[in-house]
């Protein structure tokens, strides 16, 4: 199983944990009980400085930081989440030796129903298939297109103040066909995107056979300069790999 598949399996495990606690009381973290070893980082990226951001959970060990965030007030909360992501990347640039080189970051955008809308993460060991070097900066976001809240909410984004400085976008979806053109409108917020990965599957968890040229056209209308990749299965190696599909 490659690193990307391990990450997807890992996200599914987190979703199970979230759903198992959905009926319990909602208690948020604050600056006094978050229990972090990285107080300067928490303060400077503004985790507790935004009125529409709630920290649902925080986990930390020697080489992992996982932050669960719930946004209030729709677009206002999402703007503040974007500010936190961008502030993290700025912090890493200005403090290159603050974190261990192998530190893994995972910032999860959790809906009120405790479904994971999207997650933001780094690639501490890089990604040879994408030509990415290792970094403690947030380099990737994985977006679950099956979470209806996300699609219906973000497809109408027209606010130029929303901009995520993330180069790699992974779009995940399960269904009988690939998403339609309007689903991709929210990609306008990723103005510095360089690569888009499509991880589409049918209801039996098989790779979805879809019109790659048409899907690339939809995405290129929004992000004309990105590279677009899709998953392929290598039967000889029994592994999934990426194939560039935009020409």
C-alpha atoms as a PDB file:
ATOM      1  CA  UNK A   1       0.000   0.000   0.000  1.00  0.00           C
ATOM      2  CA  UNK A   2       1.544   3.331  -1.022  1.00  0.00           C
ATOM      3  CA  UNK A   3       1.689   6.437   1.153  1.00  0.00           C
ATOM      4  CA  UNK A   4      -1.364   8.000  -0.445  1.00  0.00           C
ATOM      5  CA  UNK A   5      -3.494   4.906   0.219  1.00  0.00           C
ATOM      6  CA  UNK A   6      -2.282   4.735   3.794  1.00  0.00           C
ATOM      7  CA  UNK A   7      -3.374   8.326   4.235  1.00  0.00           C
ATOM      8  CA  UNK A   8      -6.889   7.619   2.906  1.00  0.00           C
ATOM      9  CA  UNK A   9      -7.228   4.590   5.205  1.00  0.00           C
ATOM     10  CA  UNK A  10      -6.041   6.748   8.067  1.00  0.00           C
ATOM     11  CA  UNK A  11      -8.704   9.389   7.340  1.00  0.00           C
ATOM     12  CA  UNK A  12     -11.393   6.686   7.300  1.00  0.00           C
ATOM     13  CA  UNK A  13     -10.245   5.562  10.739  1.00  0.00           C
ATOM     14  CA  UNK A  14     -10.554   9.132  12.025  1.00  0.00           C
ATOM     15  CA  UNK A  15     -14.080   9.361  10.586  1.00  0.00           C
ATOM     16  CA  UNK A  16     -15.092   6.246  12.519  1.00  0.00           C
ATOM     17  CA  UNK A  17     -13.768   7.786  15.730  1.00  0.00           C
ATOM     18  CA  UNK A  18     -15.636  11.024  15.049  1.00  0.00           C
ATOM     19  CA  UNK A  19     -18.902   9.239  14.359  1.00  0.00           C
ATOM     20  CA  UNK A  20     -18.556   7.147  17.505  1.00  0.00           C
ATOM     21  CA  UNK A  21     -18.443  10.320  19.596  1.00  0.00           C
ATOM     22  CA  UNK A  22     -21.120  12.241  17.692  1.00  0.00           C
ATOM     23  CA  UNK A  23     -23.797  11.760  20.343  1.00  0.00           C
ATOM     24  CA  UNK A  24     -21.669  13.001  23.215  1.00  0.00           C
ATOM     25  CA  UNK A  25     -21.407  16.574  24.494  1.00  0.00           C
ATOM     26  CA  UNK A  26     -19.313  18.896  22.351  1.00  0.00           C
ATOM     27  CA  UNK A  27     -16.403  20.281  24.369  1.00  0.00           C
ATOM     28  CA  UNK A  28     -13.874  22.476  22.606  1.00  0.00           C
ATOM     29  CA  UNK A  29     -10.218  23.006  23.415  1.00  0.00           C
ATOM     30  CA  UNK A  30      -8.933  26.385  24.535  1.00  0.00           C
ATOM     31  CA  UNK A  31      -5.518  27.996  24.958  1.00  0.00           C
ATOM     32  CA  UNK A  32      -5.315  26.703  28.541  1.00  0.00           C
ATOM     33  CA  UNK A  33      -6.131  23.016  28.028  1.00  0.00           C
ATOM     34  CA  UNK A  34      -4.904  22.275  24.519  1.00  0.00           C
ATOM     35  CA  UNK A  35      -1.767  20.646  25.918  1.00  0.00           C
ATOM     36  CA  UNK A  36       0.672  21.573  23.167  1.00  0.00           C
ATOM     37  CA  UNK A  37       4.453  21.646  23.215  1.00  0.00           C
ATOM     38  CA  UNK A  38       4.389  24.297  20.489  1.00  0.00           C
ATOM     39  CA  UNK A  39       2.757  27.307  22.150  1.00  0.00           C
ATOM     40  CA  UNK A  40       4.545  29.853  19.953  1.00  0.00           C
ATOM     41  CA  UNK A  41       3.184  28.154  16.844  1.00  0.00           C
ATOM     42  CA  UNK A  42      -0.377  27.931  18.222  1.00  0.00           C
ATOM     43  CA  UNK A  43      -0.306  31.626  19.086  1.00  0.00           C
ATOM     44  CA  UNK A  44       1.264  32.939  15.892  1.00  0.00           C
ATOM     45  CA  UNK A  45      -0.964  31.050  13.461  1.00  0.00           C
ATOM     46  CA  UNK A  46      -4.028  32.345  15.307  1.00  0.00           C
ATOM     47  CA  UNK A  47      -5.713  29.123  16.393  1.00  0.00           C
ATOM     48  CA  UNK A  48      -7.453  30.900  19.285  1.00  0.00           C
ATOM     49  CA  UNK A  49      -7.553  34.389  17.767  1.00  0.00           C
ATOM     50  CA  UNK A  50     -10.520  33.841  15.457  1.00  0.00           C
ATOM     51  CA  UNK A  51     -14.100  34.203  16.685  1.00  0.00           C
ATOM     52  CA  UNK A  52     -15.546  31.682  14.224  1.00  0.00           C
ATOM     53  CA  UNK A  53     -13.039  28.869  14.824  1.00  0.00           C
ATOM     54  CA  UNK A  54     -13.495  26.110  17.415  1.00  0.00           C
ATOM     55  CA  UNK A  55     -10.812  23.544  18.208  1.00  0.00           C
ATOM     56  CA  UNK A  56     -12.703  20.267  18.498  1.00  0.00           C
ATOM     57  CA  UNK A  57      -9.581  18.244  19.243  1.00  0.00           C
ATOM     58  CA  UNK A  58      -5.800  18.252  19.337  1.00  0.00           C
ATOM     59  CA  UNK A  59      -3.341  15.367  19.273  1.00  0.00           C
ATOM     60  CA  UNK A  60       0.423  15.494  19.435  1.00  0.00           C
ATOM     61  CA  UNK A  61       3.297  13.070  19.685  1.00  0.00           C
ATOM     62  CA  UNK A  62       6.973  13.098  18.781  1.00  0.00           C
ATOM     63  CA  UNK A  63       6.423  13.437  15.035  1.00  0.00           C
ATOM     64  CA  UNK A  64       2.709  14.183  14.590  1.00  0.00           C
ATOM     65  CA  UNK A  65       0.381  17.123  15.169  1.00  0.00           C
ATOM     66  CA  UNK A  66      -3.306  16.645  14.411  1.00  0.00           C
ATOM     67  CA  UNK A  67      -5.719  19.558  14.784  1.00  0.00           C
ATOM     68  CA  UNK A  68      -9.518  19.192  14.461  1.00  0.00           C
ATOM     69  CA  UNK A  69     -11.267  22.455  13.599  1.00  0.00           C
ATOM     70  CA  UNK A  70     -14.970  23.305  13.362  1.00  0.00           C
ATOM     71  CA  UNK A  71     -15.963  26.535  11.629  1.00  0.00           C
ATOM     72  CA  UNK A  72     -18.933  28.670  12.679  1.00  0.00           C
ATOM     73  CA  UNK A  73     -20.941  31.116  10.552  1.00  0.00           C
ATOM     74  CA  UNK A  74     -20.351  29.570   7.164  1.00  0.00           C
ATOM     75  CA  UNK A  75     -18.051  31.558   4.928  1.00  0.00           C
ATOM     76  CA  UNK A  76     -16.720  33.682   7.799  1.00  0.00           C
ATOM     77  CA  UNK A  77     -15.459  30.606   9.616  1.00  0.00           C
ATOM     78  CA  UNK A  78     -13.987  29.092   6.480  1.00  0.00           C
ATOM     79  CA  UNK A  79     -12.062  32.297   5.740  1.00  0.00           C
ATOM     80  CA  UNK A  80     -10.516  32.076   9.193  1.00  0.00           C
ATOM     81  CA  UNK A  81      -9.544  28.442   8.636  1.00  0.00           C
ATOM     82  CA  UNK A  82      -7.802  29.476   5.407  1.00  0.00           C
ATOM     83  CA  UNK A  83      -5.984  32.193   7.337  1.00  0.00           C
ATOM     84  CA  UNK A  84      -4.721  29.577   9.817  1.00  0.00           C
ATOM     85  CA  UNK A  85      -3.417  27.329   7.021  1.00  0.00           C
ATOM     86  CA  UNK A  86      -1.638  30.214   5.307  1.00  0.00           C
ATOM     87  CA  UNK A  87      -0.268  31.444   8.644  1.00  0.00           C
ATOM     88  CA  UNK A  88       1.173  27.981   9.320  1.00  0.00           C
ATOM     89  CA  UNK A  89       3.079  28.048   6.041  1.00  0.00           C
ATOM     90  CA  UNK A  90       4.357  31.540   6.753  1.00  0.00           C
ATOM     91  CA  UNK A  91       5.442  30.433  10.241  1.00  0.00           C
ATOM     92  CA  UNK A  92       7.416  27.500   8.799  1.00  0.00           C
ATOM     93  CA  UNK A  93       9.157  29.809   6.319  1.00  0.00           C
ATOM     94  CA  UNK A  94      10.134  32.231   9.078  1.00  0.00           C
ATOM     95  CA  UNK A  95      11.051  29.519  11.630  1.00  0.00           C
ATOM     96  CA  UNK A  96      12.610  26.702   9.544  1.00  0.00           C
ATOM     97  CA  UNK A  97      14.172  24.927  12.535  1.00  0.00           C
ATOM     98  CA  UNK A  98      11.187  25.112  14.888  1.00  0.00           C
ATOM     99  CA  UNK A  99       9.755  21.666  14.070  1.00  0.00           C
ATOM    100  CA  UNK A 100      11.550  18.344  13.521  1.00  0.00           C
ATOM    101  CA  UNK A 101      12.075  17.642   9.810  1.00  0.00           C
ATOM    102  CA  UNK A 102       9.893  14.519   9.982  1.00  0.00           C
ATOM    103  CA  UNK A 103       6.958  16.239  11.727  1.00  0.00           C
ATOM    104  CA  UNK A 104       3.606  15.341  10.154  1.00  0.00           C
ATOM    105  CA  UNK A 105       0.763  17.857  10.231  1.00  0.00           C
ATOM    106  CA  UNK A 106      -2.891  17.066   9.688  1.00  0.00           C
ATOM    107  CA  UNK A 107      -5.452  19.838  10.075  1.00  0.00           C
ATOM    108  CA  UNK A 108      -8.995  18.501   9.729  1.00  0.00           C
ATOM    109  CA  UNK A 109     -11.984  20.642   8.769  1.00  0.00           C
ATOM    110  CA  UNK A 110     -14.849  18.934  10.611  1.00  0.00           C
ATOM    111  CA  UNK A 111     -18.538  19.657   9.971  1.00  0.00           C
ATOM    112  CA  UNK A 112     -21.089  20.011  12.762  1.00  0.00           C
ATOM    113  CA  UNK A 113     -22.190  16.459  11.991  1.00  0.00           C
ATOM    114  CA  UNK A 114     -18.559  15.474  12.665  1.00  0.00           C
ATOM    115  CA  UNK A 115     -17.954  14.442   9.074  1.00  0.00           C
ATOM    116  CA  UNK A 116     -14.577  15.403   7.656  1.00  0.00           C
ATOM    117  CA  UNK A 117     -15.133  17.975   4.923  1.00  0.00           C
ATOM    118  CA  UNK A 118     -11.483  18.392   4.043  1.00  0.00           C
ATOM    119  CA  UNK A 119      -8.050  17.834   5.492  1.00  0.00           C
ATOM    120  CA  UNK A 120      -4.792  19.706   5.083  1.00  0.00           C
ATOM    121  CA  UNK A 121      -1.440  18.001   5.424  1.00  0.00           C
ATOM    122  CA  UNK A 122       2.249  18.123   4.623  1.00  0.00           C
ATOM    123  CA  UNK A 123       4.564  15.632   2.922  1.00  0.00           C
ATOM    124  CA  UNK A 124       7.465  15.181   5.356  1.00  0.00           C
ATOM    125  CA  UNK A 125       9.140  12.622   3.078  1.00  0.00           C
ATOM    126  CA  UNK A 126       8.094  14.251  -0.174  1.00  0.00           C
ATOM    127  CA  UNK A 127       6.228  12.561  -3.038  1.00  0.00           C
ATOM    128  CA  UNK A 128       8.357  11.293  -5.960  1.00  0.00           C
ATOM    129  CA  UNK A 129       5.320  10.775  -8.215  1.00  0.00           C
ATOM    130  CA  UNK A 130       4.461  14.458  -7.944  1.00  0.00           C
ATOM    131  CA  UNK A 131       8.050  15.680  -7.742  1.00  0.00           C
ATOM    132  CA  UNK A 132       7.473  17.108  -4.268  1.00  0.00           C
ATOM    133  CA  UNK A 133      10.237  17.552  -1.720  1.00  0.00           C
ATOM    134  CA  UNK A 134       9.651  16.983   1.976  1.00  0.00           C
ATOM    135  CA  UNK A 135       8.504  19.948   4.040  1.00  0.00           C
ATOM    136  CA  UNK A 136       6.714  20.882   7.236  1.00  0.00           C
ATOM    137  CA  UNK A 137       4.603  23.347   5.232  1.00  0.00           C
ATOM    138  CA  UNK A 138       1.035  22.344   4.428  1.00  0.00           C
ATOM    139  CA  UNK A 139       1.363  21.198   0.815  1.00  0.00           C
ATOM    140  CA  UNK A 140      -1.831  19.210   0.186  1.00  0.00           C
ATOM    141  CA  UNK A 141      -5.534  19.237   0.819  1.00  0.00           C
ATOM    142  CA  UNK A 142      -7.851  16.241   0.455  1.00  0.00           C
ATOM    143  CA  UNK A 143     -11.492  17.140  -0.186  1.00  0.00           C
ATOM    144  CA  UNK A 144     -14.417  14.751   0.175  1.00  0.00           C
ATOM    145  CA  UNK A 145     -16.801  15.662  -2.634  1.00  0.00           C
ATOM    146  CA  UNK A 146     -19.445  13.349  -1.189  1.00  0.00           C
ATOM    147  CA  UNK A 147     -20.002  15.596   1.797  1.00  0.00           C
ATOM    148  CA  UNK A 148     -22.970  17.492   0.383  1.00  0.00           C
ATOM    149  CA  UNK A 149     -22.438  20.433   2.716  1.00  0.00           C
ATOM    150  CA  UNK A 150     -19.047  21.115   1.205  1.00  0.00           C
ATOM    151  CA  UNK A 151     -20.116  20.938  -2.424  1.00  0.00           C
ATOM    152  CA  UNK A 152     -23.300  22.994  -2.102  1.00  0.00           C
ATOM    153  CA  UNK A 153     -21.593  25.570   0.095  1.00  0.00           C
ATOM    154  CA  UNK A 154     -18.369  26.167  -1.787  1.00  0.00           C
ATOM    155  CA  UNK A 155     -19.564  25.931  -5.360  1.00  0.00           C
ATOM    156  CA  UNK A 156     -20.813  29.532  -5.088  1.00  0.00           C
ATOM    157  CA  UNK A 157     -17.593  31.004  -3.700  1.00  0.00           C
ATOM    158  CA  UNK A 158     -16.775  34.261  -5.473  1.00  0.00           C
ATOM    159  CA  UNK A 159     -14.879  36.003  -2.691  1.00  0.00           C
ATOM    160  CA  UNK A 160     -11.408  37.123  -3.785  1.00  0.00           C
ATOM    161  CA  UNK A 161     -10.365  37.315  -0.130  1.00  0.00           C
ATOM    162  CA  UNK A 162     -10.340  33.517   0.070  1.00  0.00           C
ATOM    163  CA  UNK A 163      -7.045  32.126  -1.171  1.00  0.00           C
ATOM    164  CA  UNK A 164      -5.290  28.986   0.006  1.00  0.00           C
ATOM    165  CA  UNK A 165      -1.580  28.773  -0.767  1.00  0.00           C
ATOM    166  CA  UNK A 166      -1.555  24.999  -1.271  1.00  0.00           C
ATOM    167  CA  UNK A 167       0.002  23.383  -4.366  1.00  0.00           C
ATOM    168  CA  UNK A 168      -1.646  19.925  -4.343  1.00  0.00           C
ATOM    169  CA  UNK A 169      -5.400  19.227  -4.274  1.00  0.00           C
ATOM    170  CA  UNK A 170      -6.737  15.696  -3.935  1.00  0.00           C
ATOM    171  CA  UNK A 171     -10.411  15.320  -4.871  1.00  0.00           C
ATOM    172  CA  UNK A 172     -12.084  12.203  -3.511  1.00  0.00           C
ATOM    173  CA  UNK A 173     -15.504  10.944  -4.494  1.00  0.00           C
ATOM    174  CA  UNK A 174     -17.630   7.799  -4.581  1.00  0.00           C
ATOM    175  CA  UNK A 175     -20.508   7.356  -7.015  1.00  0.00           C
ATOM    176  CA  UNK A 176     -21.654   6.002 -10.372  1.00  0.00           C
ATOM    177  CA  UNK A 177     -20.171   8.916 -12.322  1.00  0.00           C
ATOM    178  CA  UNK A 178     -17.641  11.711 -11.998  1.00  0.00           C
ATOM    179  CA  UNK A 179     -18.712  15.119 -10.636  1.00  0.00           C
ATOM    180  CA  UNK A 180     -20.296  17.647 -12.985  1.00  0.00           C
ATOM    181  CA  UNK A 181     -18.768  20.971 -14.022  1.00  0.00           C
ATOM    182  CA  UNK A 182     -20.318  23.107 -11.275  1.00  0.00           C
ATOM    183  CA  UNK A 183     -18.799  20.898  -8.578  1.00  0.00           C
ATOM    184  CA  UNK A 184     -15.355  22.276  -9.372  1.00  0.00           C
ATOM    185  CA  UNK A 185     -16.205  25.976  -9.007  1.00  0.00           C
ATOM    186  CA  UNK A 186     -14.789  26.099  -5.476  1.00  0.00           C
ATOM    187  CA  UNK A 187     -11.308  25.420  -6.899  1.00  0.00           C
ATOM    188  CA  UNK A 188     -11.064  29.152  -7.577  1.00  0.00           C
ATOM    189  CA  UNK A 189      -9.935  29.594  -3.970  1.00  0.00           C
ATOM    190  CA  UNK A 190      -6.749  27.610  -4.707  1.00  0.00           C
ATOM    191  CA  UNK A 191      -5.120  30.313  -6.789  1.00  0.00           C
ATOM    192  CA  UNK A 192      -1.608  28.860  -6.394  1.00  0.00           C
ATOM    193  CA  UNK A 193      -2.541  25.239  -7.079  1.00  0.00           C
ATOM    194  CA  UNK A 194      -0.093  23.304  -9.230  1.00  0.00           C
ATOM    195  CA  UNK A 195      -1.427  19.738  -9.205  1.00  0.00           C
ATOM    196  CA  UNK A 196      -4.876  18.139  -8.890  1.00  0.00           C
ATOM    197  CA  UNK A 197      -5.323  14.444  -8.067  1.00  0.00           C
ATOM    198  CA  UNK A 198      -8.605  12.682  -8.860  1.00  0.00           C
ATOM    199  CA  UNK A 199      -9.454   9.715  -6.657  1.00  0.00           C
ATOM    200  CA  UNK A 200     -12.877   8.666  -7.917  1.00  0.00           C
ATOM    201  CA  UNK A 201     -14.431   5.270  -7.127  1.00  0.00           C
ATOM    202  CA  UNK A 202     -17.705   3.496  -7.740  1.00  0.00           C
ATOM    203  CA  UNK A 203     -19.990   2.137  -5.010  1.00  0.00           C
ATOM    204  CA  UNK A 204     -18.013  -1.127  -4.940  1.00  0.00           C
ATOM    205  CA  UNK A 205     -14.769   0.765  -4.216  1.00  0.00           C
ATOM    206  CA  UNK A 206     -13.364   0.103  -7.686  1.00  0.00           C
ATOM    207  CA  UNK A 207     -11.630   2.825  -9.667  1.00  0.00           C
ATOM    208  CA  UNK A 208     -14.264   4.779 -11.570  1.00  0.00           C
ATOM    209  CA  UNK A 209     -14.169   4.767 -15.370  1.00  0.00           C
ATOM    210  CA  UNK A 210     -14.931   8.366 -16.339  1.00  0.00           C
ATOM    211  CA  UNK A 211     -14.404  10.808 -19.199  1.00  0.00           C
ATOM    212  CA  UNK A 212     -10.940  12.105 -18.340  1.00  0.00           C
ATOM    213  CA  UNK A 213     -10.830  14.701 -21.127  1.00  0.00           C
ATOM    214  CA  UNK A 214     -14.173  16.201 -20.075  1.00  0.00           C
ATOM    215  CA  UNK A 215     -13.188  16.317 -16.408  1.00  0.00           C
ATOM    216  CA  UNK A 216      -9.862  17.954 -17.265  1.00  0.00           C
ATOM    217  CA  UNK A 217     -11.763  20.570 -19.265  1.00  0.00           C
ATOM    218  CA  UNK A 218     -13.966  21.360 -16.254  1.00  0.00           C
ATOM    219  CA  UNK A 219     -10.934  21.796 -13.997  1.00  0.00           C
ATOM    220  CA  UNK A 220      -8.850  23.758 -16.519  1.00  0.00           C
ATOM    221  CA  UNK A 221     -11.632  26.332 -16.823  1.00  0.00           C
ATOM    222  CA  UNK A 222     -10.925  27.230 -13.202  1.00  0.00           C
ATOM    223  CA  UNK A 223      -7.210  26.409 -12.905  1.00  0.00           C
ATOM    224  CA  UNK A 224      -5.761  26.510 -16.432  1.00  0.00           C
ATOM    225  CA  UNK A 225      -2.158  25.827 -15.451  1.00  0.00           C
ATOM    226  CA  UNK A 226      -2.503  22.820 -13.140  1.00  0.00           C
ATOM    227  CA  UNK A 227      -1.306  19.302 -13.839  1.00  0.00           C
ATOM    228  CA  UNK A 228      -4.097  16.724 -13.425  1.00  0.00           C
ATOM    229  CA  UNK A 229      -3.548  13.161 -12.256  1.00  0.00           C
ATOM    230  CA  UNK A 230      -5.778  10.140 -11.770  1.00  0.00           C
ATOM    231  CA  UNK A 231      -5.244   6.905  -9.883  1.00  0.00           C
ATOM    232  CA  UNK A 232      -4.345   3.753 -11.791  1.00  0.00           C
ATOM    233  CA  UNK A 233      -3.817   0.236 -10.495  1.00  0.00           C
ATOM    234  CA  UNK A 234      -0.607  -1.622 -11.355  1.00  0.00           C
ATOM    235  CA  UNK A 235      -1.556  -5.316 -11.238  1.00  0.00           C
ATOM    236  CA  UNK A 236       2.059  -6.489 -11.445  1.00  0.00           C
ATOM    237  CA  UNK A 237       3.135  -4.456  -8.433  1.00  0.00           C
ATOM    238  CA  UNK A 238      -0.292  -4.704  -6.773  1.00  0.00           C
ATOM    239  CA  UNK A 239      -0.183  -0.987  -6.050  1.00  0.00           C
ATOM    240  CA  UNK A 240      -1.959   2.197  -7.004  1.00  0.00           C
ATOM    241  CA  UNK A 241      -0.025   4.884  -8.838  1.00  0.00           C
ATOM    242  CA  UNK A 242      -0.733   8.226 -10.439  1.00  0.00           C
ATOM    243  CA  UNK A 243      -1.126   8.865 -14.154  1.00  0.00           C
ATOM    244  CA  UNK A 244      -1.133  12.338 -15.640  1.00  0.00           C
ATOM    245  CA  UNK A 245      -4.277  12.763 -17.743  1.00  0.00           C
ATOM    246  CA  UNK A 246      -4.275  16.379 -18.952  1.00  0.00           C
ATOM    247  CA  UNK A 247      -2.320  15.815 -22.132  1.00  0.00           C
END
